């Protein structure tokens, strides 16, 4: 059930719990037996769990400035890996260079 805040002129603020929509506009003050008027206050959002609070904060940050998770420096696709037997013969770097080199029978490349 929601808690409602009331303010007494002589004693100050007090809280009462009522069913939603059933809170009266005045409440008897326990300190001075006067009438405390209902005050409108923001909802108690600090009573949520840490996980919910962290998720709200993360959502607020990402809406303003989204995080870049990966930036491609080279838009070209990675070359196909060299064949293992070629790597054994000439080494990994030489095999990659051979793989990227144009084929002699393909002059348009």
C-alpha atoms as a PDB file:
ATOM      1  CA  UNK A   1       0.000   0.000   0.000  1.00  0.00           C
ATOM      2  CA  UNK A   2       1.250   3.515  -0.703  1.00  0.00           C
ATOM      3  CA  UNK A   3       2.268   5.873   2.054  1.00  0.00           C
ATOM      4  CA  UNK A   4       0.940   9.429   2.068  1.00  0.00           C
ATOM      5  CA  UNK A   5       2.564  12.469   3.593  1.00  0.00           C
ATOM      6  CA  UNK A   6       0.618  14.868   5.801  1.00  0.00           C
ATOM      7  CA  UNK A   7       1.789  18.158   7.357  1.00  0.00           C
ATOM      8  CA  UNK A   8       0.670  19.577  10.639  1.00  0.00           C
ATOM      9  CA  UNK A   9       1.171  23.341  11.097  1.00  0.00           C
ATOM     10  CA  UNK A  10       2.577  22.932  14.590  1.00  0.00           C
ATOM     11  CA  UNK A  11       4.250  19.463  14.555  1.00  0.00           C
ATOM     12  CA  UNK A  12       5.487  19.152  10.965  1.00  0.00           C
ATOM     13  CA  UNK A  13       5.337  16.204   8.531  1.00  0.00           C
ATOM     14  CA  UNK A  14       3.931  12.740   9.244  1.00  0.00           C
ATOM     15  CA  UNK A  15       3.312   9.659   7.114  1.00  0.00           C
ATOM     16  CA  UNK A  16       0.294   7.400   6.947  1.00  0.00           C
ATOM     17  CA  UNK A  17      -0.424   4.267   4.914  1.00  0.00           C
ATOM     18  CA  UNK A  18      -3.773   4.057   3.122  1.00  0.00           C
ATOM     19  CA  UNK A  19      -5.210   2.049   0.261  1.00  0.00           C
ATOM     20  CA  UNK A  20      -4.538   3.648  -3.114  1.00  0.00           C
ATOM     21  CA  UNK A  21      -7.127   6.322  -3.813  1.00  0.00           C
ATOM     22  CA  UNK A  22      -8.593   6.092  -0.293  1.00  0.00           C
ATOM     23  CA  UNK A  23      -6.358   8.626   1.476  1.00  0.00           C
ATOM     24  CA  UNK A  24      -8.331  11.374   3.225  1.00  0.00           C
ATOM     25  CA  UNK A  25      -7.412  15.033   2.722  1.00  0.00           C
ATOM     26  CA  UNK A  26      -6.840  15.536   6.468  1.00  0.00           C
ATOM     27  CA  UNK A  27      -5.488  13.227   9.152  1.00  0.00           C
ATOM     28  CA  UNK A  28      -5.521  13.722  12.955  1.00  0.00           C
ATOM     29  CA  UNK A  29      -2.064  14.723  14.249  1.00  0.00           C
ATOM     30  CA  UNK A  30      -0.840  12.397  17.028  1.00  0.00           C
ATOM     31  CA  UNK A  31       1.262  15.179  18.615  1.00  0.00           C
ATOM     32  CA  UNK A  32      -1.203  18.029  19.050  1.00  0.00           C
ATOM     33  CA  UNK A  33      -4.585  16.489  18.132  1.00  0.00           C
ATOM     34  CA  UNK A  34      -4.895  19.071  15.356  1.00  0.00           C
ATOM     35  CA  UNK A  35      -5.577  18.393  11.696  1.00  0.00           C
ATOM     36  CA  UNK A  36      -2.711  17.605   9.333  1.00  0.00           C
ATOM     37  CA  UNK A  37      -3.381  18.334   5.668  1.00  0.00           C
ATOM     38  CA  UNK A  38      -2.301  15.963   2.946  1.00  0.00           C
ATOM     39  CA  UNK A  39       0.840  17.118   1.118  1.00  0.00           C
ATOM     40  CA  UNK A  40       1.748  16.006  -2.374  1.00  0.00           C
ATOM     41  CA  UNK A  41       5.276  14.640  -2.543  1.00  0.00           C
ATOM     42  CA  UNK A  42       7.285  12.702  -5.148  1.00  0.00           C
ATOM     43  CA  UNK A  43       7.034   8.914  -5.095  1.00  0.00           C
ATOM     44  CA  UNK A  44       9.608   7.054  -2.998  1.00  0.00           C
ATOM     45  CA  UNK A  45      11.850   5.778  -5.789  1.00  0.00           C
ATOM     46  CA  UNK A  46      14.781   5.213  -3.457  1.00  0.00           C
ATOM     47  CA  UNK A  47      13.119   2.055  -2.148  1.00  0.00           C
ATOM     48  CA  UNK A  48      13.921   0.052  -5.280  1.00  0.00           C
ATOM     49  CA  UNK A  49      16.713  -2.515  -5.386  1.00  0.00           C
ATOM     50  CA  UNK A  50      20.237  -1.626  -6.468  1.00  0.00           C
ATOM     51  CA  UNK A  51      19.835  -3.640  -9.655  1.00  0.00           C
ATOM     52  CA  UNK A  52      16.730  -1.707 -10.712  1.00  0.00           C
ATOM     53  CA  UNK A  53      18.398   1.593  -9.853  1.00  0.00           C
ATOM     54  CA  UNK A  54      21.506   0.655 -11.873  1.00  0.00           C
ATOM     55  CA  UNK A  55      19.351  -0.409 -14.840  1.00  0.00           C
ATOM     56  CA  UNK A  56      17.486   2.920 -14.777  1.00  0.00           C
ATOM     57  CA  UNK A  57      20.743   4.849 -14.645  1.00  0.00           C
ATOM     58  CA  UNK A  58      22.230   2.834 -17.501  1.00  0.00           C
ATOM     59  CA  UNK A  59      19.110   3.353 -19.623  1.00  0.00           C
ATOM     60  CA  UNK A  60      19.203   7.095 -18.987  1.00  0.00           C
ATOM     61  CA  UNK A  61      22.890   7.299 -19.958  1.00  0.00           C
ATOM     62  CA  UNK A  62      22.503   5.210 -23.102  1.00  0.00           C
ATOM     63  CA  UNK A  63      19.585   7.303 -24.322  1.00  0.00           C
ATOM     64  CA  UNK A  64      21.781  10.412 -24.323  1.00  0.00           C
ATOM     65  CA  UNK A  65      25.087   8.964 -25.481  1.00  0.00           C
ATOM     66  CA  UNK A  66      25.115   5.321 -26.561  1.00  0.00           C
ATOM     67  CA  UNK A  67      28.235   3.326 -25.840  1.00  0.00           C
ATOM     68  CA  UNK A  68      30.273   2.174 -28.832  1.00  0.00           C
ATOM     69  CA  UNK A  69      31.051  -1.458 -28.250  1.00  0.00           C
ATOM     70  CA  UNK A  70      33.084  -2.106 -31.384  1.00  0.00           C
ATOM     71  CA  UNK A  71      34.627   0.167 -33.953  1.00  0.00           C
ATOM     72  CA  UNK A  72      35.847  -1.300 -37.229  1.00  0.00           C
ATOM     73  CA  UNK A  73      39.030   0.399 -38.352  1.00  0.00           C
ATOM     74  CA  UNK A  74      39.105  -1.461 -41.653  1.00  0.00           C
ATOM     75  CA  UNK A  75      35.762  -1.830 -43.440  1.00  0.00           C
ATOM     76  CA  UNK A  76      37.140  -4.604 -45.670  1.00  0.00           C
ATOM     77  CA  UNK A  77      36.314  -8.140 -44.554  1.00  0.00           C
ATOM     78  CA  UNK A  78      39.027 -10.267 -42.986  1.00  0.00           C
ATOM     79  CA  UNK A  79      40.842 -12.404 -45.540  1.00  0.00           C
ATOM     80  CA  UNK A  80      40.169 -16.105 -45.523  1.00  0.00           C
ATOM     81  CA  UNK A  81      42.589 -18.056 -43.353  1.00  0.00           C
ATOM     82  CA  UNK A  82      45.524 -19.682 -45.073  1.00  0.00           C
ATOM     83  CA  UNK A  83      45.579 -23.419 -45.588  1.00  0.00           C
ATOM     84  CA  UNK A  84      47.346 -25.236 -42.701  1.00  0.00           C
ATOM     85  CA  UNK A  85      49.786 -27.068 -44.970  1.00  0.00           C
ATOM     86  CA  UNK A  86      50.879 -23.746 -46.512  1.00  0.00           C
ATOM     87  CA  UNK A  87      51.407 -22.256 -43.037  1.00  0.00           C
ATOM     88  CA  UNK A  88      53.659 -25.209 -42.152  1.00  0.00           C
ATOM     89  CA  UNK A  89      55.776 -24.663 -45.288  1.00  0.00           C
ATOM     90  CA  UNK A  90      56.217 -20.852 -45.330  1.00  0.00           C
ATOM     91  CA  UNK A  91      54.963 -19.542 -41.963  1.00  0.00           C
ATOM     92  CA  UNK A  92      51.792 -17.742 -40.917  1.00  0.00           C
ATOM     93  CA  UNK A  93      52.631 -14.205 -42.138  1.00  0.00           C
ATOM     94  CA  UNK A  94      53.941 -15.338 -45.523  1.00  0.00           C
ATOM     95  CA  UNK A  95      50.884 -17.546 -46.005  1.00  0.00           C
ATOM     96  CA  UNK A  96      48.603 -14.577 -45.288  1.00  0.00           C
ATOM     97  CA  UNK A  97      50.471 -12.395 -47.786  1.00  0.00           C
ATOM     98  CA  UNK A  98      50.221 -15.117 -50.423  1.00  0.00           C
ATOM     99  CA  UNK A  99      46.502 -15.454 -49.733  1.00  0.00           C
ATOM    100  CA  UNK A 100      45.974 -11.701 -50.286  1.00  0.00           C
ATOM    101  CA  UNK A 101      48.127 -11.486 -53.396  1.00  0.00           C
ATOM    102  CA  UNK A 102      46.277 -11.333 -56.750  1.00  0.00           C
ATOM    103  CA  UNK A 103      46.207 -14.518 -58.780  1.00  0.00           C
ATOM    104  CA  UNK A 104      48.320 -14.356 -61.943  1.00  0.00           C
ATOM    105  CA  UNK A 105      45.497 -15.738 -64.077  1.00  0.00           C
ATOM    106  CA  UNK A 106      43.130 -12.961 -62.915  1.00  0.00           C
ATOM    107  CA  UNK A 107      44.453  -9.677 -64.432  1.00  0.00           C
ATOM    108  CA  UNK A 108      41.372  -7.634 -63.419  1.00  0.00           C
ATOM    109  CA  UNK A 109      41.952  -8.042 -59.730  1.00  0.00           C
END
